[in-house]
Amino acid sequence: MPLDPNLLDGLLGDLVVNSNQSSALTRMADRNATQGLAVIQNVLIQQHGGTADDAATMAALRTAIHIPQVDSNRPPE
């Protein structure tokens, strides 16, 4: 039994609208995921760089603690 042409047009219209809405949601999710991953990547890179700088600073301070101070008024031995 064939469908009424008006009903068929309505169903096809709903199908097109729902397909477009689904595509829009997929594009939005893709954009949000891409932006979110970019933020996470930037934070991790900056955090890693900050940690590396802190480690280098701490190593320099530890080294400086163990270097004997030389009194500039006293001749070297």
Protein backbone atom coordinates (compact mmCIF):
# COMPACT_ATOMS: atom_id res chain seq x y z
CA MET A 1 0.00 0.00 0.00
CA PRO A 2 1.69 3.27 -1.06
CA LEU A 3 2.02 6.15 1.36
CA ASP A 4 0.09 9.34 0.94
CA PRO A 5 2.33 11.81 -0.97
CA ASN A 6 1.79 14.50 1.68
CA LEU A 7 2.80 12.08 4.45
CA LEU A 8 5.84 10.96 2.43
CA ASP A 9 6.92 14.60 1.92
CA GLY A 10 6.53 15.26 5.66
CA LEU A 11 8.57 12.20 6.60
CA LEU A 12 11.32 13.09 4.13
CA GLY A 13 11.38 16.65 5.46
CA ASP A 14 11.74 15.36 9.04
CA LEU A 15 14.51 13.03 7.91
CA VAL A 16 16.43 15.91 6.31
CA VAL A 17 15.93 18.18 9.35
CA ASN A 18 17.03 15.46 11.79
CA SER A 19 20.04 14.64 9.64
CA ASN A 20 21.08 18.31 9.58
CA GLN A 21 20.65 18.60 13.36
CA SER A 22 22.71 15.46 13.87
CA SER A 23 25.47 16.83 11.64
CA ALA A 24 25.43 20.12 13.55
CA LEU A 25 25.76 18.29 16.87
CA THR A 26 28.61 16.19 15.48
CA ARG A 27 30.41 19.32 14.24
CA MET A 28 29.94 21.00 17.63
CA ALA A 29 31.22 17.94 19.50
CA ASP A 30 34.19 17.69 17.15
CA ARG A 31 35.01 21.38 17.60
CA ASN A 32 34.69 21.13 21.39
CA ALA A 33 36.84 18.02 21.52
CA THR A 34 39.50 19.64 19.36
CA GLN A 35 39.54 22.79 21.48
CA GLY A 36 39.55 20.75 24.68
CA LEU A 37 42.47 18.63 23.53
CA ALA A 38 44.36 21.77 22.49
CA VAL A 39 43.85 23.24 25.95
CA ILE A 40 44.94 20.03 27.63
CA GLN A 41 48.02 19.80 25.40
CA ASN A 42 49.00 23.41 26.12
CA VAL A 43 48.55 22.93 29.85
CA LEU A 44 50.61 19.75 29.88
CA ILE A 45 53.39 21.30 27.82
CA GLN A 46 53.48 24.40 30.02
CA GLN A 47 53.33 22.31 33.18
CA HIS A 48 56.14 20.07 31.95
CA GLY A 49 58.23 23.10 31.06
CA GLY A 50 57.59 24.63 34.47
CA THR A 51 58.52 21.39 36.20
CA ALA A 52 61.71 21.13 34.17
CA ASP A 53 62.64 24.71 35.09
CA ASP A 54 61.95 24.02 38.76
CA ALA A 55 64.10 20.88 38.69
CA ALA A 56 66.97 22.77 37.07
CA THR A 57 66.68 25.55 39.63
CA MET A 58 66.61 23.08 42.50
CA ALA A 59 69.63 21.23 41.12
CA ALA A 60 71.54 24.51 40.86
CA LEU A 61 70.60 25.41 44.42
CA ARG A 62 71.66 21.98 45.72
CA THR A 63 74.97 22.34 43.92
CA ALA A 64 75.47 25.84 45.28
CA ILE A 65 74.88 24.62 48.84
CA HIS A 66 77.76 22.14 48.59
CA ILE A 67 80.27 24.56 47.09
CA PRO A 68 82.45 25.96 49.86
CA GLN A 69 82.40 29.70 50.14
CA VAL A 70 85.72 31.44 49.70
CA ASP A 71 86.48 34.41 51.88
CA SER A 72 87.67 37.13 49.54
CA ASN A 73 89.87 38.64 52.29
CA ARG A 74 91.74 35.43 52.90
CA PRO A 75 94.37 34.12 50.46
CA PRO A 76 93.64 30.73 48.87
CA GLU A 77 95.28 27.73 50.55
